[in-house]
């Protein structure tokens, strides 16, 4: 295990509901592991070009390990265990915010509210791909291409319904859910684990965005430099390291899992 206590191939999910989601899906997905094997399999089945792939991130503090990652890193997908400090921070940040009402091409990011039980791994994957990948890196007429075209003009609730109603997403999620290293939790065994999938991406506005389907909307964490990617020093300080510091201050364990979407070097 790395010094900063990242661990890979750990299941991650929350309880499947947004803070005040009006409807929770009757669908229950099998929980996904946050590792490259699972996420690459799902991404390729849905239509991501094999010129890109997810890679393990073993440390966010060891420069030699960071240098091993292909660049640019387009997005980070992290599973974060809930702590009391993070819960308090989330509650205080979300409380004054209105529910997201963005839609259309003018938005700096595309965000999906989570209503599917155990769907946050899939939604984290979509957040990474749709907000960091050029159209040339998505196979034409694939499930990803069709989904993105339909989702962009929709509002928050309609996007959530689109995910719920797209049967292909359920089928592909279930097909890959048992390819990871650990025994998956069966769909019928709906148990909250306290882990959350969070995506960090550089939006079209040049800002770092934190995307999680169980918040009130996408969260702008601040501007990045022109040459900054999703794992640059500034992106890490604005994003995942903020959560790590919060975890340390609360004396909780640091069992995070992190993968990076970047060029495929194989």
C-alpha atoms as a PDB file:
ATOM      1  CA  UNK A   1       0.000   0.000   0.000  1.00  0.00           C
ATOM      2  CA  UNK A   2       1.272   3.467  -0.815  1.00  0.00           C
ATOM      3  CA  UNK A   3       2.339   5.846   1.939  1.00  0.00           C
ATOM      4  CA  UNK A   4      -0.709   8.002   1.390  1.00  0.00           C
ATOM      5  CA  UNK A   5      -2.850   4.909   1.939  1.00  0.00           C
ATOM      6  CA  UNK A   6      -4.537   4.592  -1.405  1.00  0.00           C
ATOM      7  CA  UNK A   7      -5.864   1.133  -2.077  1.00  0.00           C
ATOM      8  CA  UNK A   8      -7.195  -0.216  -5.348  1.00  0.00           C
ATOM      9  CA  UNK A   9      -9.888  -2.762  -6.257  1.00  0.00           C
ATOM     10  CA  UNK A  10     -12.217  -1.774  -3.430  1.00  0.00           C
ATOM     11  CA  UNK A  11     -15.976  -1.563  -3.942  1.00  0.00           C
ATOM     12  CA  UNK A  12     -17.411   1.910  -3.586  1.00  0.00           C
ATOM     13  CA  UNK A  13     -20.934   3.240  -3.483  1.00  0.00           C
ATOM     14  CA  UNK A  14     -23.305   5.325  -1.443  1.00  0.00           C
ATOM     15  CA  UNK A  15     -26.901   4.568  -0.573  1.00  0.00           C
ATOM     16  CA  UNK A  16     -28.076   5.321  -4.105  1.00  0.00           C
ATOM     17  CA  UNK A  17     -30.089   8.461  -3.429  1.00  0.00           C
ATOM     18  CA  UNK A  18     -29.430  12.118  -4.019  1.00  0.00           C
ATOM     19  CA  UNK A  19     -29.902  14.354  -0.929  1.00  0.00           C
ATOM     20  CA  UNK A  20     -33.563  15.009  -1.719  1.00  0.00           C
ATOM     21  CA  UNK A  21     -34.089  12.973  -4.854  1.00  0.00           C
ATOM     22  CA  UNK A  22     -37.796  12.945  -5.721  1.00  0.00           C
ATOM     23  CA  UNK A  23     -37.709   9.376  -6.987  1.00  0.00           C
ATOM     24  CA  UNK A  24     -35.358   6.507  -6.378  1.00  0.00           C
ATOM     25  CA  UNK A  25     -35.017   3.969  -9.145  1.00  0.00           C
ATOM     26  CA  UNK A  26     -36.477   0.522  -8.623  1.00  0.00           C
ATOM     27  CA  UNK A  27     -33.382  -0.794 -10.405  1.00  0.00           C
ATOM     28  CA  UNK A  28     -30.544  -2.071  -8.246  1.00  0.00           C
ATOM     29  CA  UNK A  29     -27.185  -2.321  -9.980  1.00  0.00           C
ATOM     30  CA  UNK A  30     -24.370  -4.579  -8.828  1.00  0.00           C
ATOM     31  CA  UNK A  31     -21.702  -2.462  -7.184  1.00  0.00           C
ATOM     32  CA  UNK A  32     -18.587  -1.819  -9.271  1.00  0.00           C
ATOM     33  CA  UNK A  33     -14.987  -1.898  -8.111  1.00  0.00           C
ATOM     34  CA  UNK A  34     -12.923   1.190  -8.763  1.00  0.00           C
ATOM     35  CA  UNK A  35     -10.096  -0.434 -10.694  1.00  0.00           C
ATOM     36  CA  UNK A  36      -8.855  -0.194 -14.294  1.00  0.00           C
ATOM     37  CA  UNK A  37      -9.868  -3.733 -15.259  1.00  0.00           C
ATOM     38  CA  UNK A  38     -13.516  -3.150 -14.446  1.00  0.00           C
ATOM     39  CA  UNK A  39     -13.793   0.454 -15.618  1.00  0.00           C
ATOM     40  CA  UNK A  40     -11.928  -0.084 -18.893  1.00  0.00           C
ATOM     41  CA  UNK A  41     -14.086  -3.101 -19.658  1.00  0.00           C
ATOM     42  CA  UNK A  42     -17.258  -1.113 -19.073  1.00  0.00           C
ATOM     43  CA  UNK A  43     -16.007   1.983 -20.900  1.00  0.00           C
ATOM     44  CA  UNK A  44     -15.012   0.019 -24.006  1.00  0.00           C
ATOM     45  CA  UNK A  45     -18.267  -1.938 -24.061  1.00  0.00           C
ATOM     46  CA  UNK A  46     -20.144   1.372 -23.989  1.00  0.00           C
ATOM     47  CA  UNK A  47     -18.063   2.961 -26.748  1.00  0.00           C
ATOM     48  CA  UNK A  48     -14.896   4.640 -25.449  1.00  0.00           C
ATOM     49  CA  UNK A  49     -11.971   4.560 -27.876  1.00  0.00           C
ATOM     50  CA  UNK A  50      -9.176   2.195 -26.860  1.00  0.00           C
ATOM     51  CA  UNK A  51      -6.755   5.068 -27.373  1.00  0.00           C
ATOM     52  CA  UNK A  52      -7.708   5.977 -23.797  1.00  0.00           C
ATOM     53  CA  UNK A  53      -7.736   3.882 -20.652  1.00  0.00           C
ATOM     54  CA  UNK A  54      -7.978   4.043 -16.879  1.00  0.00           C
ATOM     55  CA  UNK A  55      -4.752   3.550 -14.919  1.00  0.00           C
ATOM     56  CA  UNK A  56      -4.049   2.788 -11.265  1.00  0.00           C
ATOM     57  CA  UNK A  57      -2.875   5.730  -9.162  1.00  0.00           C
ATOM     58  CA  UNK A  58      -0.744   4.327  -6.355  1.00  0.00           C
ATOM     59  CA  UNK A  59       0.243   7.619  -4.727  1.00  0.00           C
ATOM     60  CA  UNK A  60      -0.610  11.288  -4.974  1.00  0.00           C
ATOM     61  CA  UNK A  61       2.524  12.345  -3.087  1.00  0.00           C
ATOM     62  CA  UNK A  62       5.325  10.276  -4.630  1.00  0.00           C
ATOM     63  CA  UNK A  63       6.568  12.169  -7.694  1.00  0.00           C
ATOM     64  CA  UNK A  64       8.208   9.074  -9.176  1.00  0.00           C
ATOM     65  CA  UNK A  65       4.915   7.190  -9.103  1.00  0.00           C
ATOM     66  CA  UNK A  66       3.042  10.158 -10.548  1.00  0.00           C
ATOM     67  CA  UNK A  67       5.602  10.397 -13.354  1.00  0.00           C
ATOM     68  CA  UNK A  68       4.712   6.834 -14.372  1.00  0.00           C
ATOM     69  CA  UNK A  69       1.223   7.929 -15.422  1.00  0.00           C
ATOM     70  CA  UNK A  70       0.644   8.789 -19.098  1.00  0.00           C
ATOM     71  CA  UNK A  71      -0.191  12.455 -19.563  1.00  0.00           C
ATOM     72  CA  UNK A  72      -2.352  14.332 -19.866  1.00  0.00           C
ATOM     73  CA  UNK A  73      -4.567  12.856 -17.175  1.00  0.00           C
ATOM     74  CA  UNK A  74      -8.074  13.745 -18.303  1.00  0.00           C
ATOM     75  CA  UNK A  75      -9.993  12.780 -15.163  1.00  0.00           C
ATOM     76  CA  UNK A  76      -9.658  11.126 -11.770  1.00  0.00           C
ATOM     77  CA  UNK A  77     -12.208   8.667 -10.414  1.00  0.00           C
ATOM     78  CA  UNK A  78     -11.948   8.194  -6.669  1.00  0.00           C
ATOM     79  CA  UNK A  79     -13.838   6.198  -4.074  1.00  0.00           C
ATOM     80  CA  UNK A  80     -14.007   8.172  -0.857  1.00  0.00           C
ATOM     81  CA  UNK A  81     -15.089   6.660   2.485  1.00  0.00           C
ATOM     82  CA  UNK A  82     -17.503   8.863   4.380  1.00  0.00           C
ATOM     83  CA  UNK A  83     -16.163  10.449   7.546  1.00  0.00           C
ATOM     84  CA  UNK A  84     -17.870  12.696  10.064  1.00  0.00           C
ATOM     85  CA  UNK A  85     -15.694  15.632   8.984  1.00  0.00           C
ATOM     86  CA  UNK A  86     -16.552  15.134   5.315  1.00  0.00           C
ATOM     87  CA  UNK A  87     -20.238  14.668   6.099  1.00  0.00           C
ATOM     88  CA  UNK A  88     -20.298  17.953   8.010  1.00  0.00           C
ATOM     89  CA  UNK A  89     -18.446  19.700   5.191  1.00  0.00           C
ATOM     90  CA  UNK A  90     -20.855  18.291   2.585  1.00  0.00           C
ATOM     91  CA  UNK A  91     -23.911  19.256   4.601  1.00  0.00           C
ATOM     92  CA  UNK A  92     -22.710  22.813   5.192  1.00  0.00           C
ATOM     93  CA  UNK A  93     -21.716  23.251   1.544  1.00  0.00           C
ATOM     94  CA  UNK A  94     -24.918  21.779   0.106  1.00  0.00           C
ATOM     95  CA  UNK A  95     -27.369  23.490   2.475  1.00  0.00           C
ATOM     96  CA  UNK A  96     -27.402  26.967   0.848  1.00  0.00           C
ATOM     97  CA  UNK A  97     -27.090  25.684  -2.712  1.00  0.00           C
ATOM     98  CA  UNK A  98     -30.057  25.433  -5.063  1.00  0.00           C
ATOM     99  CA  UNK A  99     -30.624  22.224  -6.962  1.00  0.00           C
ATOM    100  CA  UNK A 100     -28.775  22.193 -10.266  1.00  0.00           C
ATOM    101  CA  UNK A 101     -30.876  23.489 -13.153  1.00  0.00           C
ATOM    102  CA  UNK A 102     -28.270  23.566 -15.911  1.00  0.00           C
ATOM    103  CA  UNK A 103     -28.757  22.051 -19.352  1.00  0.00           C
ATOM    104  CA  UNK A 104     -27.392  22.450 -22.841  1.00  0.00           C
ATOM    105  CA  UNK A 105     -24.062  22.904 -24.571  1.00  0.00           C
ATOM    106  CA  UNK A 106     -23.269  26.130 -22.725  1.00  0.00           C
ATOM    107  CA  UNK A 107     -22.707  24.337 -19.411  1.00  0.00           C
ATOM    108  CA  UNK A 108     -19.020  23.848 -18.449  1.00  0.00           C
ATOM    109  CA  UNK A 109     -19.734  20.238 -17.407  1.00  0.00           C
ATOM    110  CA  UNK A 110     -22.481  17.663 -17.770  1.00  0.00           C
ATOM    111  CA  UNK A 111     -23.711  16.264 -14.446  1.00  0.00           C
ATOM    112  CA  UNK A 112     -26.024  13.384 -13.600  1.00  0.00           C
ATOM    113  CA  UNK A 113     -28.099  13.083 -10.457  1.00  0.00           C
ATOM    114  CA  UNK A 114     -27.967   9.563  -9.035  1.00  0.00           C
ATOM    115  CA  UNK A 115     -31.276   7.807  -8.465  1.00  0.00           C
ATOM    116  CA  UNK A 116     -30.150   4.276  -9.427  1.00  0.00           C
ATOM    117  CA  UNK A 117     -29.299   2.168  -6.383  1.00  0.00           C
ATOM    118  CA  UNK A 118     -25.593   1.268  -6.473  1.00  0.00           C
ATOM    119  CA  UNK A 119     -25.283   3.212  -9.726  1.00  0.00           C
ATOM    120  CA  UNK A 120     -22.599   5.617  -8.608  1.00  0.00           C
ATOM    121  CA  UNK A 121     -19.726   3.678 -10.195  1.00  0.00           C
ATOM    122  CA  UNK A 122     -21.408   3.887 -13.587  1.00  0.00           C
ATOM    123  CA  UNK A 123     -22.272   7.553 -13.060  1.00  0.00           C
ATOM    124  CA  UNK A 124     -18.695   8.299 -11.998  1.00  0.00           C
ATOM    125  CA  UNK A 125     -17.490   6.676 -15.214  1.00  0.00           C
ATOM    126  CA  UNK A 126     -19.903   8.782 -17.293  1.00  0.00           C
ATOM    127  CA  UNK A 127     -18.810  11.950 -15.479  1.00  0.00           C
ATOM    128  CA  UNK A 128     -15.169  11.206 -16.346  1.00  0.00           C
ATOM    129  CA  UNK A 129     -15.783  10.399 -20.004  1.00  0.00           C
ATOM    130  CA  UNK A 130     -18.404  12.985 -20.922  1.00  0.00           C
ATOM    131  CA  UNK A 131     -16.493  15.866 -19.326  1.00  0.00           C
ATOM    132  CA  UNK A 132     -12.957  15.156 -20.493  1.00  0.00           C
ATOM    133  CA  UNK A 133     -13.032  13.174 -23.726  1.00  0.00           C
ATOM    134  CA  UNK A 134     -13.296  14.715 -27.185  1.00  0.00           C
ATOM    135  CA  UNK A 135     -15.991  13.416 -29.509  1.00  0.00           C
ATOM    136  CA  UNK A 136     -13.306  11.720 -31.615  1.00  0.00           C
ATOM    137  CA  UNK A 137     -12.550   9.422 -28.669  1.00  0.00           C
ATOM    138  CA  UNK A 138     -16.145   8.113 -28.508  1.00  0.00           C
ATOM    139  CA  UNK A 139     -17.164   5.502 -31.071  1.00  0.00           C
ATOM    140  CA  UNK A 140     -19.874   6.911 -33.390  1.00  0.00           C
ATOM    141  CA  UNK A 141     -23.374   5.520 -32.802  1.00  0.00           C
ATOM    142  CA  UNK A 142     -22.171   3.737 -29.662  1.00  0.00           C
ATOM    143  CA  UNK A 143     -24.122   3.726 -26.415  1.00  0.00           C
ATOM    144  CA  UNK A 144     -21.940   6.555 -25.101  1.00  0.00           C
ATOM    145  CA  UNK A 145     -22.452   8.641 -28.238  1.00  0.00           C
ATOM    146  CA  UNK A 146     -26.210   8.150 -28.200  1.00  0.00           C
ATOM    147  CA  UNK A 147     -26.481   8.793 -24.470  1.00  0.00           C
ATOM    148  CA  UNK A 148     -24.458  12.001 -24.600  1.00  0.00           C
ATOM    149  CA  UNK A 149     -26.511  13.378 -27.492  1.00  0.00           C
ATOM    150  CA  UNK A 150     -29.739  12.703 -25.611  1.00  0.00           C
ATOM    151  CA  UNK A 151     -28.508  13.927 -22.208  1.00  0.00           C
ATOM    152  CA  UNK A 152     -26.985  17.305 -23.054  1.00  0.00           C
ATOM    153  CA  UNK A 153     -30.261  19.231 -23.624  1.00  0.00           C
ATOM    154  CA  UNK A 154     -32.065  17.623 -20.666  1.00  0.00           C
ATOM    155  CA  UNK A 155     -32.539  18.943 -17.141  1.00  0.00           C
ATOM    156  CA  UNK A 156     -31.474  17.161 -13.962  1.00  0.00           C
ATOM    157  CA  UNK A 157     -34.540  14.955 -13.465  1.00  0.00           C
ATOM    158  CA  UNK A 158     -34.837  14.058 -17.139  1.00  0.00           C
ATOM    159  CA  UNK A 159     -31.172  13.035 -17.237  1.00  0.00           C
ATOM    160  CA  UNK A 160     -31.650  10.784 -14.214  1.00  0.00           C
ATOM    161  CA  UNK A 161     -34.674   9.201 -15.891  1.00  0.00           C
ATOM    162  CA  UNK A 162     -32.678   8.710 -19.091  1.00  0.00           C
ATOM    163  CA  UNK A 163     -30.047   6.694 -17.220  1.00  0.00           C
ATOM    164  CA  UNK A 164     -32.710   4.668 -15.454  1.00  0.00           C
ATOM    165  CA  UNK A 165     -34.571   3.919 -18.682  1.00  0.00           C
ATOM    166  CA  UNK A 166     -31.488   2.996 -20.742  1.00  0.00           C
ATOM    167  CA  UNK A 167     -31.519  -0.771 -20.341  1.00  0.00           C
ATOM    168  CA  UNK A 168     -28.162  -1.166 -22.068  1.00  0.00           C
ATOM    169  CA  UNK A 169     -26.456   0.592 -19.151  1.00  0.00           C
ATOM    170  CA  UNK A 170     -27.856  -1.963 -16.713  1.00  0.00           C
ATOM    171  CA  UNK A 171     -26.900  -4.860 -18.970  1.00  0.00           C
ATOM    172  CA  UNK A 172     -23.314  -3.711 -19.439  1.00  0.00           C
ATOM    173  CA  UNK A 173     -22.882  -2.821 -15.763  1.00  0.00           C
ATOM    174  CA  UNK A 174     -23.970  -6.327 -14.768  1.00  0.00           C
ATOM    175  CA  UNK A 175     -21.771  -7.924 -17.429  1.00  0.00           C
ATOM    176  CA  UNK A 176     -18.582  -6.361 -16.044  1.00  0.00           C
ATOM    177  CA  UNK A 177     -19.416  -6.231 -12.332  1.00  0.00           C
ATOM    178  CA  UNK A 178     -17.974  -9.686 -11.668  1.00  0.00           C
ATOM    179  CA  UNK A 179     -14.671  -9.179 -13.461  1.00  0.00           C
ATOM    180  CA  UNK A 180     -12.885  -7.486 -10.564  1.00  0.00           C
ATOM    181  CA  UNK A 181     -10.552  -8.890  -7.949  1.00  0.00           C
ATOM    182  CA  UNK A 182     -12.984  -9.100  -5.045  1.00  0.00           C
ATOM    183  CA  UNK A 183     -16.368 -10.765  -4.658  1.00  0.00           C
ATOM    184  CA  UNK A 184     -19.044  -8.272  -5.734  1.00  0.00           C
ATOM    185  CA  UNK A 185     -22.058  -7.508  -3.598  1.00  0.00           C
ATOM    186  CA  UNK A 186     -25.151  -9.050  -5.159  1.00  0.00           C
ATOM    187  CA  UNK A 187     -27.832  -6.699  -6.444  1.00  0.00           C
ATOM    188  CA  UNK A 188     -30.358  -8.150  -4.032  1.00  0.00           C
ATOM    189  CA  UNK A 189     -28.145  -7.426  -1.052  1.00  0.00           C
ATOM    190  CA  UNK A 190     -28.731  -3.692  -0.935  1.00  0.00           C
ATOM    191  CA  UNK A 191     -26.446  -2.444   1.817  1.00  0.00           C
ATOM    192  CA  UNK A 192     -25.006   1.038   2.132  1.00  0.00           C
ATOM    193  CA  UNK A 193     -21.218   0.911   2.454  1.00  0.00           C
ATOM    194  CA  UNK A 194     -20.485   4.568   3.138  1.00  0.00           C
ATOM    195  CA  UNK A 195     -18.170   4.878   0.113  1.00  0.00           C
ATOM    196  CA  UNK A 196     -18.768   7.429  -2.634  1.00  0.00           C
ATOM    197  CA  UNK A 197     -17.506   7.591  -6.219  1.00  0.00           C
ATOM    198  CA  UNK A 198     -16.264  11.121  -6.968  1.00  0.00           C
ATOM    199  CA  UNK A 199     -14.936  12.320 -10.335  1.00  0.00           C
ATOM    200  CA  UNK A 200     -12.530  15.237 -10.727  1.00  0.00           C
ATOM    201  CA  UNK A 201     -12.382  16.748 -14.221  1.00  0.00           C
ATOM    202  CA  UNK A 202     -11.169  19.897 -15.948  1.00  0.00           C
ATOM    203  CA  UNK A 203     -14.277  21.552 -17.338  1.00  0.00           C
ATOM    204  CA  UNK A 204     -14.661  23.447 -20.585  1.00  0.00           C
ATOM    205  CA  UNK A 205     -14.208  26.645 -18.572  1.00  0.00           C
ATOM    206  CA  UNK A 206     -10.740  25.568 -17.407  1.00  0.00           C
ATOM    207  CA  UNK A 207     -11.892  24.971 -13.829  1.00  0.00           C
ATOM    208  CA  UNK A 208     -11.581  21.828 -11.735  1.00  0.00           C
ATOM    209  CA  UNK A 209     -15.003  20.304 -11.127  1.00  0.00           C
ATOM    210  CA  UNK A 210     -15.969  17.770  -8.478  1.00  0.00           C
ATOM    211  CA  UNK A 211     -18.792  15.555  -9.725  1.00  0.00           C
ATOM    212  CA  UNK A 212     -20.841  13.197  -7.593  1.00  0.00           C
ATOM    213  CA  UNK A 213     -24.409  12.131  -8.299  1.00  0.00           C
ATOM    214  CA  UNK A 214     -25.559  12.384  -4.696  1.00  0.00           C
ATOM    215  CA  UNK A 215     -24.789  16.101  -4.329  1.00  0.00           C
ATOM    216  CA  UNK A 216     -27.061  18.960  -5.413  1.00  0.00           C
ATOM    217  CA  UNK A 217     -25.080  19.531  -8.572  1.00  0.00           C
ATOM    218  CA  UNK A 218     -21.542  19.873  -9.949  1.00  0.00           C
ATOM    219  CA  UNK A 219     -19.073  21.677  -7.677  1.00  0.00           C
ATOM    220  CA  UNK A 220     -16.623  24.252  -9.055  1.00  0.00           C
ATOM    221  CA  UNK A 221     -13.348  23.876  -7.129  1.00  0.00           C
ATOM    222  CA  UNK A 222     -11.515  26.721  -8.864  1.00  0.00           C
ATOM    223  CA  UNK A 223      -9.502  27.669 -11.956  1.00  0.00           C
ATOM    224  CA  UNK A 224      -6.653  25.587 -13.337  1.00  0.00           C
ATOM    225  CA  UNK A 225      -3.756  26.812 -15.429  1.00  0.00           C
ATOM    226  CA  UNK A 226      -3.745  26.260 -19.180  1.00  0.00           C
ATOM    227  CA  UNK A 227      -1.204  23.459 -18.851  1.00  0.00           C
ATOM    228  CA  UNK A 228      -2.768  21.837 -15.784  1.00  0.00           C
ATOM    229  CA  UNK A 229      -4.356  18.432 -16.194  1.00  0.00           C
ATOM    230  CA  UNK A 230      -6.526  16.560 -13.693  1.00  0.00           C
ATOM    231  CA  UNK A 231      -3.531  15.355 -11.684  1.00  0.00           C
ATOM    232  CA  UNK A 232      -1.455  18.549 -11.741  1.00  0.00           C
ATOM    233  CA  UNK A 233      -0.310  19.918  -8.395  1.00  0.00           C
ATOM    234  CA  UNK A 234      -3.031  22.570  -8.394  1.00  0.00           C
ATOM    235  CA  UNK A 235      -5.771  20.116  -9.384  1.00  0.00           C
ATOM    236  CA  UNK A 236      -4.769  17.775  -6.575  1.00  0.00           C
ATOM    237  CA  UNK A 237      -4.705  20.578  -4.007  1.00  0.00           C
ATOM    238  CA  UNK A 238      -8.132  21.859  -5.081  1.00  0.00           C
ATOM    239  CA  UNK A 239      -9.598  18.370  -5.317  1.00  0.00           C
ATOM    240  CA  UNK A 240      -8.767  15.034  -3.761  1.00  0.00           C
ATOM    241  CA  UNK A 241      -6.044  16.260  -1.374  1.00  0.00           C
ATOM    242  CA  UNK A 242      -8.629  18.515   0.234  1.00  0.00           C
ATOM    243  CA  UNK A 243     -10.633  15.399   1.115  1.00  0.00           C
ATOM    244  CA  UNK A 244      -7.529  13.557   2.303  1.00  0.00           C
ATOM    245  CA  UNK A 245      -6.606  16.431   4.622  1.00  0.00           C
ATOM    246  CA  UNK A 246     -10.137  16.477   5.974  1.00  0.00           C
ATOM    247  CA  UNK A 247      -9.921  12.758   6.629  1.00  0.00           C
ATOM    248  CA  UNK A 248      -6.609  13.112   8.436  1.00  0.00           C
ATOM    249  CA  UNK A 249      -7.930  15.898  10.635  1.00  0.00           C
ATOM    250  CA  UNK A 250     -10.805  13.641  11.609  1.00  0.00           C
ATOM    251  CA  UNK A 251      -8.407  10.807  12.487  1.00  0.00           C
ATOM    252  CA  UNK A 252     -10.199   8.473  10.076  1.00  0.00           C
ATOM    253  CA  UNK A 253      -8.552   5.804   7.968  1.00  0.00           C
ATOM    254  CA  UNK A 254      -7.311   6.846   4.531  1.00  0.00           C
ATOM    255  CA  UNK A 255      -8.535   3.886   2.523  1.00  0.00           C
ATOM    256  CA  UNK A 256      -9.070   5.703  -0.750  1.00  0.00           C
ATOM    257  CA  UNK A 257      -8.991   4.195  -4.224  1.00  0.00           C
ATOM    258  CA  UNK A 258      -8.031   6.264  -7.263  1.00  0.00           C
ATOM    259  CA  UNK A 259      -7.758   5.625 -10.997  1.00  0.00           C
ATOM    260  CA  UNK A 260      -6.881   8.070 -13.788  1.00  0.00           C
ATOM    261  CA  UNK A 261      -8.274   8.386 -17.313  1.00  0.00           C
ATOM    262  CA  UNK A 262      -5.351   9.030 -19.659  1.00  0.00           C
ATOM    263  CA  UNK A 263      -3.827   7.899 -22.967  1.00  0.00           C
ATOM    264  CA  UNK A 264      -3.545   4.150 -23.424  1.00  0.00           C
ATOM    265  CA  UNK A 265       0.137   3.204 -23.657  1.00  0.00           C
ATOM    266  CA  UNK A 266      -0.349  -0.499 -24.393  1.00  0.00           C
END
